[in-house]
Amino acid sequence: MQIGFVGLGHMGSGIAAHLLRNGHSLKVWNRSAAAARTLADQGAEAVDRPAGAFDADVVFCMLASDEVIDAVVLNSGALDQARAGLIFVNLATVSVAFARRAAATMGERGIGYVAAPVLGRPDVAAAGALNVLCAGAPEAVARVRPLLESFAKAIWPLGDEPYRANVVKLACNFALASMIETLGEAAALAKAYGVAPADLFAVMTGTLFAAPAYKTYSALIAGAEFSPAAFKLPLGLKDVRLSLAAGEAENVPLPLASLLRDHFIEAIAHGDQDKDWSALAEGAFRRSGQRI
């Protein structure tokens, strides 16, 4: 099977590498050519235009936002090069409105559309242990499932409508951002009374909050390990804004998301835009006159 892949950032590169290791033929494109060259050294074919990746049976996309996918895929002429029966697998975190529009646009061209956003950071992608949230027409999902399994720890089917996978991804990222904010505020409270954040987090993750996400993010916060960023603060802000838009579209109030949006903006205003989104927790210390 010929596979195309557009978007080779920290996440995309790890996923594409696993597809290669599983014996698949890849045509890859990335705005920064260096990432494509790295995959070419592993056996992929680097193409100089996004359209080149669409001469394939399946195209994976891991681009940063609705706007970037519009520019690179929907409005670039790339779809004109699509093979008959192509399936487009969107791994990116996008808005519900975009997922609906993209699925409709591709459906008009006879292109299958599967939403498969992932849960996990770049190290998890590199290990081939992502959780994949998957939705789309059953026949399209069945066709791409063996490919998803090459980089997934688990695949979570979420129905025939692609946007449902995107709603779940936004809900998960909203919950993660809420957790980061909570960890920051809890640690700022403890530190004000002489308890080190690392000591508080040892108690939390060893008792009531012994979940992988709490362990990962509490360690980053306690050590102030915000650079290099695996997922930058502006991307967290983007996802919270998309959650708010999804909520408003169905009259679902998300008051905590509004607070998180403002705290992301505050962090960026303080020059933290290149830090990992776990640096959101620094704001709780800053507002209490402390530092981590």
C-alpha atoms as a PDB file:
ATOM      1  CA  MET A   1       0.000   0.000   0.000  1.00  0.00           C
ATOM      2  CA  GLN A   2       1.328   3.450  -0.912  1.00  0.00           C
ATOM      3  CA  ILE A   3       1.017   5.929   1.944  1.00  0.00           C
ATOM      4  CA  GLY A   4       1.378   9.707   1.876  1.00  0.00           C
ATOM      5  CA  PHE A   5       2.245  11.700   4.996  1.00  0.00           C
ATOM      6  CA  VAL A   6       2.077  15.490   5.428  1.00  0.00           C
ATOM      7  CA  GLY A   7       3.291  17.165   8.618  1.00  0.00           C
ATOM      8  CA  LEU A   8       6.477  15.790  10.160  1.00  0.00           C
ATOM      9  CA  GLY A   9       6.769  17.658  13.436  1.00  0.00           C
ATOM     10  CA  HIS A  10       7.599  15.961  16.740  1.00  0.00           C
ATOM     11  CA  MET A  11       4.488  13.793  16.563  1.00  0.00           C
ATOM     12  CA  GLY A  12       4.285  13.188  12.824  1.00  0.00           C
ATOM     13  CA  SER A  13       7.900  12.094  12.496  1.00  0.00           C
ATOM     14  CA  GLY A  14       7.494   9.418  15.153  1.00  0.00           C
ATOM     15  CA  ILE A  15       4.306   8.084  13.602  1.00  0.00           C
ATOM     16  CA  ALA A  16       5.739   8.065  10.070  1.00  0.00           C
ATOM     17  CA  ALA A  17       8.837   6.214  11.278  1.00  0.00           C
ATOM     18  CA  HIS A  18       6.663   3.410  12.669  1.00  0.00           C
ATOM     19  CA  LEU A  19       4.788   3.097   9.387  1.00  0.00           C
ATOM     20  CA  LEU A  20       8.143   2.711   7.644  1.00  0.00           C
ATOM     21  CA  ARG A  21       9.359   0.126  10.127  1.00  0.00           C
ATOM     22  CA  ASN A  22       6.239  -1.906   9.452  1.00  0.00           C
ATOM     23  CA  GLY A  23       7.186  -2.183   5.799  1.00  0.00           C
ATOM     24  CA  HIS A  24       4.942   0.465   4.266  1.00  0.00           C
ATOM     25  CA  SER A  25       5.987   2.672   1.347  1.00  0.00           C
ATOM     26  CA  LEU A  26       5.814   6.368   2.267  1.00  0.00           C
ATOM     27  CA  LYS A  27       5.797   9.628   0.330  1.00  0.00           C
ATOM     28  CA  VAL A  28       6.419  12.415   2.842  1.00  0.00           C
ATOM     29  CA  TRP A  29       6.122  16.185   2.770  1.00  0.00           C
ATOM     30  CA  ASN A  30       6.956  18.771   5.409  1.00  0.00           C
ATOM     31  CA  ARG A  31       7.254  22.548   5.257  1.00  0.00           C
ATOM     32  CA  SER A  32      10.717  22.233   6.797  1.00  0.00           C
ATOM     33  CA  ALA A  33      12.644  19.965   4.436  1.00  0.00           C
ATOM     34  CA  ALA A  34      15.015  18.704   7.149  1.00  0.00           C
ATOM     35  CA  ALA A  35      12.356  16.490   8.729  1.00  0.00           C
ATOM     36  CA  ALA A  36      11.480  15.002   5.338  1.00  0.00           C
ATOM     37  CA  ARG A  37      15.166  14.288   4.680  1.00  0.00           C
ATOM     38  CA  THR A  38      15.409  12.439   7.992  1.00  0.00           C
ATOM     39  CA  LEU A  39      12.542  10.156   6.936  1.00  0.00           C
ATOM     40  CA  ALA A  40      14.084   9.789   3.484  1.00  0.00           C
ATOM     41  CA  ASP A  41      17.230   8.473   5.149  1.00  0.00           C
ATOM     42  CA  GLN A  42      15.007   5.782   6.685  1.00  0.00           C
ATOM     43  CA  GLY A  43      13.523   4.770   3.339  1.00  0.00           C
ATOM     44  CA  ALA A  44      10.713   7.253   2.626  1.00  0.00           C
ATOM     45  CA  GLU A  45      10.391   9.256  -0.575  1.00  0.00           C
ATOM     46  CA  ALA A  46      10.495  13.009   0.122  1.00  0.00           C
ATOM     47  CA  VAL A  47       8.267  15.038  -2.201  1.00  0.00           C
ATOM     48  CA  ASP A  48       8.614  18.764  -2.810  1.00  0.00           C
ATOM     49  CA  ARG A  49       4.898  19.621  -2.811  1.00  0.00           C
ATOM     50  CA  PRO A  50       1.965  18.421  -0.686  1.00  0.00           C
ATOM     51  CA  ALA A  51       0.263  17.216  -3.857  1.00  0.00           C
ATOM     52  CA  GLY A  52       3.028  14.645  -4.294  1.00  0.00           C
ATOM     53  CA  ALA A  53       1.903  12.874  -1.133  1.00  0.00           C
ATOM     54  CA  PHE A  54      -1.618  12.463  -2.546  1.00  0.00           C
ATOM     55  CA  ASP A  55      -0.507  10.027  -5.230  1.00  0.00           C
ATOM     56  CA  ALA A  56      -1.223   7.337  -2.676  1.00  0.00           C
ATOM     57  CA  ASP A  57      -3.843   4.967  -1.316  1.00  0.00           C
ATOM     58  CA  VAL A  58      -3.943   6.549   2.152  1.00  0.00           C
ATOM     59  CA  VAL A  59      -2.727   9.981   3.272  1.00  0.00           C
ATOM     60  CA  PHE A  60      -1.946  10.755   6.916  1.00  0.00           C
ATOM     61  CA  CYS A  61      -2.013  14.372   8.074  1.00  0.00           C
ATOM     62  CA  MET A  62      -0.428  15.751  11.243  1.00  0.00           C
ATOM     63  CA  LEU A  63      -0.505  19.498  10.659  1.00  0.00           C
ATOM     64  CA  ALA A  64      -0.891  22.114  13.389  1.00  0.00           C
ATOM     65  CA  SER A  65      -4.293  23.712  12.862  1.00  0.00           C
ATOM     66  CA  ASP A  66      -7.416  24.167  10.762  1.00  0.00           C
ATOM     67  CA  GLU A  67      -5.761  27.062   8.956  1.00  0.00           C
ATOM     68  CA  VAL A  68      -2.625  25.121   8.077  1.00  0.00           C
ATOM     69  CA  ILE A  69      -4.610  22.138   6.768  1.00  0.00           C
ATOM     70  CA  ASP A  70      -6.723  24.517   4.701  1.00  0.00           C
ATOM     71  CA  ALA A  71      -3.581  26.024   3.155  1.00  0.00           C
ATOM     72  CA  VAL A  72      -1.627  22.797   2.653  1.00  0.00           C
ATOM     73  CA  VAL A  73      -4.416  20.376   1.746  1.00  0.00           C
ATOM     74  CA  LEU A  74      -7.817  21.829   0.921  1.00  0.00           C
ATOM     75  CA  ASN A  75      -6.749  24.987  -0.919  1.00  0.00           C
ATOM     76  CA  SER A  76      -3.431  23.939  -2.458  1.00  0.00           C
ATOM     77  CA  GLY A  77      -4.655  21.767  -5.308  1.00  0.00           C
ATOM     78  CA  ALA A  78      -3.351  18.659  -3.543  1.00  0.00           C
ATOM     79  CA  LEU A  79      -6.748  16.971  -3.681  1.00  0.00           C
ATOM     80  CA  ASP A  80      -6.663  17.190  -7.472  1.00  0.00           C
ATOM     81  CA  GLN A  81      -3.822  14.653  -7.395  1.00  0.00           C
ATOM     82  CA  ALA A  82      -5.659  12.155  -5.206  1.00  0.00           C
ATOM     83  CA  ARG A  83      -5.839   8.577  -6.423  1.00  0.00           C
ATOM     84  CA  ALA A  84      -9.271   7.051  -6.892  1.00  0.00           C
ATOM     85  CA  GLY A  85     -10.459   5.601  -3.601  1.00  0.00           C
ATOM     86  CA  LEU A  86      -7.979   7.593  -1.491  1.00  0.00           C
ATOM     87  CA  ILE A  87      -8.610   7.719   2.272  1.00  0.00           C
ATOM     88  CA  PHE A  88      -7.465  10.811   4.171  1.00  0.00           C
ATOM     89  CA  VAL A  89      -6.614  10.163   7.830  1.00  0.00           C
ATOM     90  CA  ASN A  90      -6.496  13.340   9.869  1.00  0.00           C
ATOM     91  CA  LEU A  91      -4.388  12.793  12.980  1.00  0.00           C
ATOM     92  CA  ALA A  92      -4.450  16.482  13.943  1.00  0.00           C
ATOM     93  CA  THR A  93      -6.464  18.228  16.647  1.00  0.00           C
ATOM     94  CA  VAL A  94      -8.946  20.365  14.734  1.00  0.00           C
ATOM     95  CA  SER A  95     -12.222  22.112  15.371  1.00  0.00           C
ATOM     96  CA  VAL A  96     -15.538  20.336  15.075  1.00  0.00           C
ATOM     97  CA  ALA A  97     -16.569  22.779  12.351  1.00  0.00           C
ATOM     98  CA  PHE A  98     -13.426  22.033  10.355  1.00  0.00           C
ATOM     99  CA  ALA A  99     -13.866  18.256  10.709  1.00  0.00           C
ATOM    100  CA  ARG A 100     -17.387  18.524   9.322  1.00  0.00           C
ATOM    101  CA  ARG A 101     -16.305  20.777   6.467  1.00  0.00           C
ATOM    102  CA  ALA A 102     -13.260  18.694   5.524  1.00  0.00           C
ATOM    103  CA  ALA A 103     -15.246  15.453   5.541  1.00  0.00           C
ATOM    104  CA  ALA A 104     -17.905  17.020   3.303  1.00  0.00           C
ATOM    105  CA  THR A 105     -15.338  18.500   0.894  1.00  0.00           C
ATOM    106  CA  MET A 106     -13.510  15.207   0.523  1.00  0.00           C
ATOM    107  CA  GLY A 107     -16.715  13.226   0.270  1.00  0.00           C
ATOM    108  CA  GLU A 108     -17.717  15.354  -2.738  1.00  0.00           C
ATOM    109  CA  ARG A 109     -14.453  14.263  -4.387  1.00  0.00           C
ATOM    110  CA  GLY A 110     -14.886  10.593  -3.543  1.00  0.00           C
ATOM    111  CA  ILE A 111     -12.180  10.716  -0.868  1.00  0.00           C
ATOM    112  CA  GLY A 112     -12.781   8.851   2.379  1.00  0.00           C
ATOM    113  CA  TYR A 113     -12.218  10.846   5.566  1.00  0.00           C
ATOM    114  CA  VAL A 114     -11.202   9.302   8.880  1.00  0.00           C
ATOM    115  CA  ALA A 115     -10.555  11.391  11.994  1.00  0.00           C
ATOM    116  CA  ALA A 116      -7.862   9.775  14.138  1.00  0.00           C
ATOM    117  CA  PRO A 117      -6.485  12.313  16.639  1.00  0.00           C
ATOM    118  CA  VAL A 118      -4.051  10.822  19.114  1.00  0.00           C
ATOM    119  CA  LEU A 119      -3.422  10.944  22.848  1.00  0.00           C
ATOM    120  CA  GLY A 120       0.234  11.025  23.848  1.00  0.00           C
ATOM    121  CA  ARG A 121       3.342  13.170  23.757  1.00  0.00           C
ATOM    122  CA  PRO A 122       6.219  12.838  21.231  1.00  0.00           C
ATOM    123  CA  ASP A 123       8.050  10.214  23.305  1.00  0.00           C
ATOM    124  CA  VAL A 124       4.901   8.069  23.242  1.00  0.00           C
ATOM    125  CA  ALA A 125       4.624   8.534  19.460  1.00  0.00           C
ATOM    126  CA  ALA A 126       8.263   7.490  19.061  1.00  0.00           C
ATOM    127  CA  ALA A 127       7.542   4.367  21.123  1.00  0.00           C
ATOM    128  CA  GLY A 128       4.531   3.461  18.981  1.00  0.00           C
ATOM    129  CA  ALA A 129       2.246   3.530  22.008  1.00  0.00           C
ATOM    130  CA  LEU A 130      -0.312   6.232  21.200  1.00  0.00           C
ATOM    131  CA  ASN A 131      -4.000   5.984  21.975  1.00  0.00           C
ATOM    132  CA  VAL A 132      -5.869   6.676  18.750  1.00  0.00           C
ATOM    133  CA  LEU A 133      -9.380   8.150  18.783  1.00  0.00           C
ATOM    134  CA  CYS A 134     -11.013   6.985  15.567  1.00  0.00           C
ATOM    135  CA  ALA A 135     -14.237   7.868  13.749  1.00  0.00           C
ATOM    136  CA  GLY A 136     -15.426   7.625  10.178  1.00  0.00           C
ATOM    137  CA  ALA A 137     -17.280   5.440   7.724  1.00  0.00           C
ATOM    138  CA  PRO A 138     -16.870   1.796   8.834  1.00  0.00           C
ATOM    139  CA  GLU A 139     -15.357   0.634   5.534  1.00  0.00           C
ATOM    140  CA  ALA A 140     -12.781   3.455   5.576  1.00  0.00           C
ATOM    141  CA  VAL A 141     -11.891   2.800   9.214  1.00  0.00           C
ATOM    142  CA  ALA A 142     -11.519  -0.931   8.548  1.00  0.00           C
ATOM    143  CA  ARG A 143      -9.150  -0.242   5.677  1.00  0.00           C
ATOM    144  CA  VAL A 144      -6.821   2.011   7.655  1.00  0.00           C
ATOM    145  CA  ARG A 145      -7.010   0.209  11.006  1.00  0.00           C
ATOM    146  CA  PRO A 146      -3.965  -2.034  10.307  1.00  0.00           C
ATOM    147  CA  LEU A 147      -1.964   1.130   9.620  1.00  0.00           C
ATOM    148  CA  LEU A 148      -3.145   2.753  12.849  1.00  0.00           C
ATOM    149  CA  GLU A 149      -2.178  -0.379  14.757  1.00  0.00           C
ATOM    150  CA  SER A 150       1.445   0.074  13.696  1.00  0.00           C
ATOM    151  CA  PHE A 151       1.811   3.079  16.026  1.00  0.00           C
ATOM    152  CA  ALA A 152      -1.059   2.613  18.492  1.00  0.00           C
ATOM    153  CA  LYS A 153      -1.253   1.120  21.953  1.00  0.00           C
ATOM    154  CA  ALA A 154      -5.042   1.122  21.581  1.00  0.00           C
ATOM    155  CA  ILE A 155      -7.643   2.316  19.104  1.00  0.00           C
ATOM    156  CA  TRP A 156     -10.864   3.813  20.436  1.00  0.00           C
ATOM    157  CA  PRO A 157     -13.766   3.645  17.928  1.00  0.00           C
ATOM    158  CA  LEU A 158     -16.150   6.583  18.281  1.00  0.00           C
ATOM    159  CA  GLY A 159     -18.731   6.151  15.555  1.00  0.00           C
ATOM    160  CA  ASP A 160     -19.337   6.940  11.911  1.00  0.00           C
ATOM    161  CA  GLU A 161     -19.137  10.744  12.110  1.00  0.00           C
ATOM    162  CA  PRO A 162     -15.483  11.883  12.040  1.00  0.00           C
ATOM    163  CA  TYR A 163     -16.091  14.983  14.182  1.00  0.00           C
ATOM    164  CA  ARG A 164     -16.911  12.791  17.195  1.00  0.00           C
ATOM    165  CA  ALA A 165     -13.249  11.784  17.499  1.00  0.00           C
ATOM    166  CA  ASN A 166     -12.298  15.456  17.436  1.00  0.00           C
ATOM    167  CA  VAL A 167     -14.816  16.302  20.170  1.00  0.00           C
ATOM    168  CA  VAL A 168     -13.308  13.601  22.385  1.00  0.00           C
ATOM    169  CA  LYS A 169      -9.770  14.866  21.704  1.00  0.00           C
ATOM    170  CA  LEU A 170     -10.777  18.431  22.590  1.00  0.00           C
ATOM    171  CA  ALA A 171     -12.514  17.228  25.750  1.00  0.00           C
ATOM    172  CA  CYS A 172      -9.390  15.289  26.764  1.00  0.00           C
ATOM    173  CA  ASN A 173      -7.082  18.250  26.143  1.00  0.00           C
ATOM    174  CA  PHE A 174      -9.441  20.532  28.041  1.00  0.00           C
ATOM    175  CA  ALA A 175      -9.299  18.106  30.968  1.00  0.00           C
ATOM    176  CA  LEU A 176      -5.485  17.966  30.769  1.00  0.00           C
ATOM    177  CA  ALA A 177      -5.216  21.753  30.769  1.00  0.00           C
ATOM    178  CA  SER A 178      -7.540  21.856  33.786  1.00  0.00           C
ATOM    179  CA  MET A 179      -5.298  19.317  35.516  1.00  0.00           C
ATOM    180  CA  ILE A 180      -2.160  21.382  34.836  1.00  0.00           C
ATOM    181  CA  GLU A 181      -3.846  24.472  36.262  1.00  0.00           C
ATOM    182  CA  THR A 182      -4.981  22.510  39.326  1.00  0.00           C
ATOM    183  CA  LEU A 183      -1.505  21.077  39.924  1.00  0.00           C
ATOM    184  CA  GLY A 184      -0.014  24.554  39.714  1.00  0.00           C
ATOM    185  CA  GLU A 185      -2.488  26.070  42.160  1.00  0.00           C
ATOM    186  CA  ALA A 186      -2.180  23.151  44.591  1.00  0.00           C
ATOM    187  CA  ALA A 187       1.614  23.339  44.496  1.00  0.00           C
ATOM    188  CA  ALA A 188       1.610  27.117  44.980  1.00  0.00           C
ATOM    189  CA  LEU A 189      -0.585  26.667  48.060  1.00  0.00           C
ATOM    190  CA  ALA A 190       1.689  23.990  49.497  1.00  0.00           C
ATOM    191  CA  LYS A 191       4.868  25.954  48.813  1.00  0.00           C
ATOM    192  CA  ALA A 192       3.471  29.025  50.573  1.00  0.00           C
ATOM    193  CA  TYR A 193       3.500  26.869  53.724  1.00  0.00           C
ATOM    194  CA  GLY A 194       6.969  25.477  53.201  1.00  0.00           C
ATOM    195  CA  VAL A 195       6.086  22.219  51.428  1.00  0.00           C
ATOM    196  CA  ALA A 196       8.106  21.562  48.268  1.00  0.00           C
ATOM    197  CA  PRO A 197       6.001  20.919  45.154  1.00  0.00           C
ATOM    198  CA  ALA A 198       7.850  17.628  44.610  1.00  0.00           C
ATOM    199  CA  ASP A 199       6.806  16.443  48.086  1.00  0.00           C
ATOM    200  CA  LEU A 200       3.179  17.385  47.500  1.00  0.00           C
ATOM    201  CA  PHE A 201       3.177  15.632  44.127  1.00  0.00           C
ATOM    202  CA  ALA A 202       4.752  12.490  45.607  1.00  0.00           C
ATOM    203  CA  VAL A 203       1.794  12.247  47.970  1.00  0.00           C
ATOM    204  CA  MET A 204      -0.762  13.032  45.267  1.00  0.00           C
ATOM    205  CA  THR A 205       0.556  10.599  42.649  1.00  0.00           C
ATOM    206  CA  GLY A 206       1.136   7.893  45.239  1.00  0.00           C
ATOM    207  CA  THR A 207      -2.413   8.046  46.588  1.00  0.00           C
ATOM    208  CA  LEU A 208      -5.441   9.845  45.152  1.00  0.00           C
ATOM    209  CA  PHE A 209      -3.992  10.791  41.753  1.00  0.00           C
ATOM    210  CA  ALA A 210      -1.911   7.775  40.716  1.00  0.00           C
ATOM    211  CA  ALA A 211      -2.657   8.223  37.022  1.00  0.00           C
ATOM    212  CA  PRO A 212      -0.098   8.505  34.205  1.00  0.00           C
ATOM    213  CA  ALA A 213      -1.033  12.076  33.265  1.00  0.00           C
ATOM    214  CA  TYR A 214      -0.687  13.310  36.851  1.00  0.00           C
ATOM    215  CA  LYS A 215       2.689  11.583  37.190  1.00  0.00           C
ATOM    216  CA  THR A 216       3.998  12.988  33.906  1.00  0.00           C
ATOM    217  CA  TYR A 217       2.893  16.570  34.413  1.00  0.00           C
ATOM    218  CA  SER A 218       3.626  16.819  38.126  1.00  0.00           C
ATOM    219  CA  ALA A 219       7.225  15.798  37.390  1.00  0.00           C
ATOM    220  CA  LEU A 220       7.519  18.466  34.694  1.00  0.00           C
ATOM    221  CA  ILE A 221       6.070  21.120  36.999  1.00  0.00           C
ATOM    222  CA  ALA A 222       8.114  20.184  40.077  1.00  0.00           C
ATOM    223  CA  GLY A 223      11.314  20.285  38.027  1.00  0.00           C
ATOM    224  CA  ALA A 224      10.250  23.342  36.009  1.00  0.00           C
ATOM    225  CA  GLU A 225      11.129  21.260  32.941  1.00  0.00           C
ATOM    226  CA  PHE A 226       9.360  23.396  30.381  1.00  0.00           C
ATOM    227  CA  SER A 227      11.998  23.459  27.650  1.00  0.00           C
ATOM    228  CA  PRO A 228      12.361  22.016  25.119  1.00  0.00           C
ATOM    229  CA  ALA A 229       8.621  21.957  24.637  1.00  0.00           C
ATOM    230  CA  ALA A 230       6.858  18.800  23.537  1.00  0.00           C
ATOM    231  CA  PHE A 231       3.603  20.760  23.139  1.00  0.00           C
ATOM    232  CA  LYS A 232       3.930  24.539  23.198  1.00  0.00           C
ATOM    233  CA  LEU A 233       1.691  26.887  25.162  1.00  0.00           C
ATOM    234  CA  PRO A 234       0.074  28.469  22.059  1.00  0.00           C
ATOM    235  CA  LEU A 235      -1.099  25.012  20.983  1.00  0.00           C
ATOM    236  CA  GLY A 236      -2.735  24.545  24.365  1.00  0.00           C
ATOM    237  CA  LEU A 237      -4.434  27.913  23.943  1.00  0.00           C
ATOM    238  CA  LYS A 238      -5.642  26.823  20.496  1.00  0.00           C
ATOM    239  CA  ASP A 239      -7.214  23.649  21.886  1.00  0.00           C
ATOM    240  CA  VAL A 240      -8.958  25.462  24.730  1.00  0.00           C
ATOM    241  CA  ARG A 241     -10.372  27.957  22.240  1.00  0.00           C
ATOM    242  CA  LEU A 242     -11.606  25.086  20.054  1.00  0.00           C
ATOM    243  CA  SER A 243     -13.245  23.516  23.112  1.00  0.00           C
ATOM    244  CA  LEU A 244     -15.014  26.797  23.874  1.00  0.00           C
ATOM    245  CA  ALA A 245     -16.221  27.072  20.267  1.00  0.00           C
ATOM    246  CA  ALA A 246     -17.521  23.494  20.335  1.00  0.00           C
ATOM    247  CA  GLY A 247     -19.319  24.181  23.606  1.00  0.00           C
ATOM    248  CA  GLU A 248     -20.891  27.386  22.344  1.00  0.00           C
ATOM    249  CA  ALA A 249     -22.110  25.663  19.178  1.00  0.00           C
ATOM    250  CA  GLU A 250     -24.224  23.281  21.294  1.00  0.00           C
ATOM    251  CA  ASN A 251     -24.985  25.666  24.187  1.00  0.00           C
ATOM    252  CA  VAL A 252     -22.640  23.847  26.569  1.00  0.00           C
ATOM    253  CA  PRO A 253     -21.087  26.375  28.986  1.00  0.00           C
ATOM    254  CA  LEU A 254     -17.427  25.738  29.861  1.00  0.00           C
ATOM    255  CA  PRO A 255     -16.623  28.375  32.491  1.00  0.00           C
ATOM    256  CA  LEU A 256     -13.360  26.693  33.477  1.00  0.00           C
ATOM    257  CA  ALA A 257     -12.241  26.752  29.850  1.00  0.00           C
ATOM    258  CA  SER A 258     -12.756  30.518  29.811  1.00  0.00           C
ATOM    259  CA  LEU A 259     -10.458  30.843  32.825  1.00  0.00           C
ATOM    260  CA  LEU A 260      -7.871  28.583  31.205  1.00  0.00           C
ATOM    261  CA  ARG A 261      -7.957  30.649  28.018  1.00  0.00           C
ATOM    262  CA  ASP A 262      -7.124  33.783  29.988  1.00  0.00           C
ATOM    263  CA  HIS A 263      -4.339  32.032  31.900  1.00  0.00           C
ATOM    264  CA  PHE A 264      -2.793  30.766  28.656  1.00  0.00           C
ATOM    265  CA  ILE A 265      -2.913  34.303  27.289  1.00  0.00           C
ATOM    266  CA  GLU A 266      -1.324  35.576  30.514  1.00  0.00           C
ATOM    267  CA  ALA A 267       1.498  33.036  30.224  1.00  0.00           C
ATOM    268  CA  ILE A 268       2.165  33.998  26.623  1.00  0.00           C
ATOM    269  CA  ALA A 269       2.101  37.684  27.590  1.00  0.00           C
ATOM    270  CA  HIS A 270       4.884  36.895  30.087  1.00  0.00           C
ATOM    271  CA  GLY A 271       7.029  35.527  27.255  1.00  0.00           C
ATOM    272  CA  ASP A 272       6.372  31.813  27.774  1.00  0.00           C
ATOM    273  CA  GLN A 273       5.176  31.091  24.235  1.00  0.00           C
ATOM    274  CA  ASP A 274       8.048  28.712  23.491  1.00  0.00           C
ATOM    275  CA  LYS A 275       7.631  26.710  26.697  1.00  0.00           C
ATOM    276  CA  ASP A 276       5.764  23.449  27.100  1.00  0.00           C
ATOM    277  CA  TRP A 277       2.106  23.922  27.978  1.00  0.00           C
ATOM    278  CA  SER A 278       2.831  22.485  31.428  1.00  0.00           C
ATOM    279  CA  ALA A 279       4.350  25.945  32.092  1.00  0.00           C
ATOM    280  CA  LEU A 280       0.738  27.085  32.520  1.00  0.00           C
ATOM    281  CA  ALA A 281       1.298  26.016  36.145  1.00  0.00           C
ATOM    282  CA  GLU A 282       3.893  28.779  36.587  1.00  0.00           C
ATOM    283  CA  GLY A 283       1.086  31.301  36.499  1.00  0.00           C
ATOM    284  CA  ALA A 284      -0.277  30.059  39.836  1.00  0.00           C
ATOM    285  CA  PHE A 285       3.108  30.686  41.441  1.00  0.00           C
ATOM    286  CA  ARG A 286       3.487  34.062  39.716  1.00  0.00           C
ATOM    287  CA  ARG A 287       0.071  35.231  40.908  1.00  0.00           C
ATOM    288  CA  SER A 288       0.983  34.260  44.480  1.00  0.00           C
ATOM    289  CA  GLY A 289       4.313  36.098  44.388  1.00  0.00           C
ATOM    290  CA  GLN A 290       6.347  32.839  44.265  1.00  0.00           C
ATOM    291  CA  ARG A 291       8.454  30.866  41.845  1.00  0.00           C
ATOM    292  CA  ILE A 292       8.483  27.114  41.348  1.00  0.00           C
END
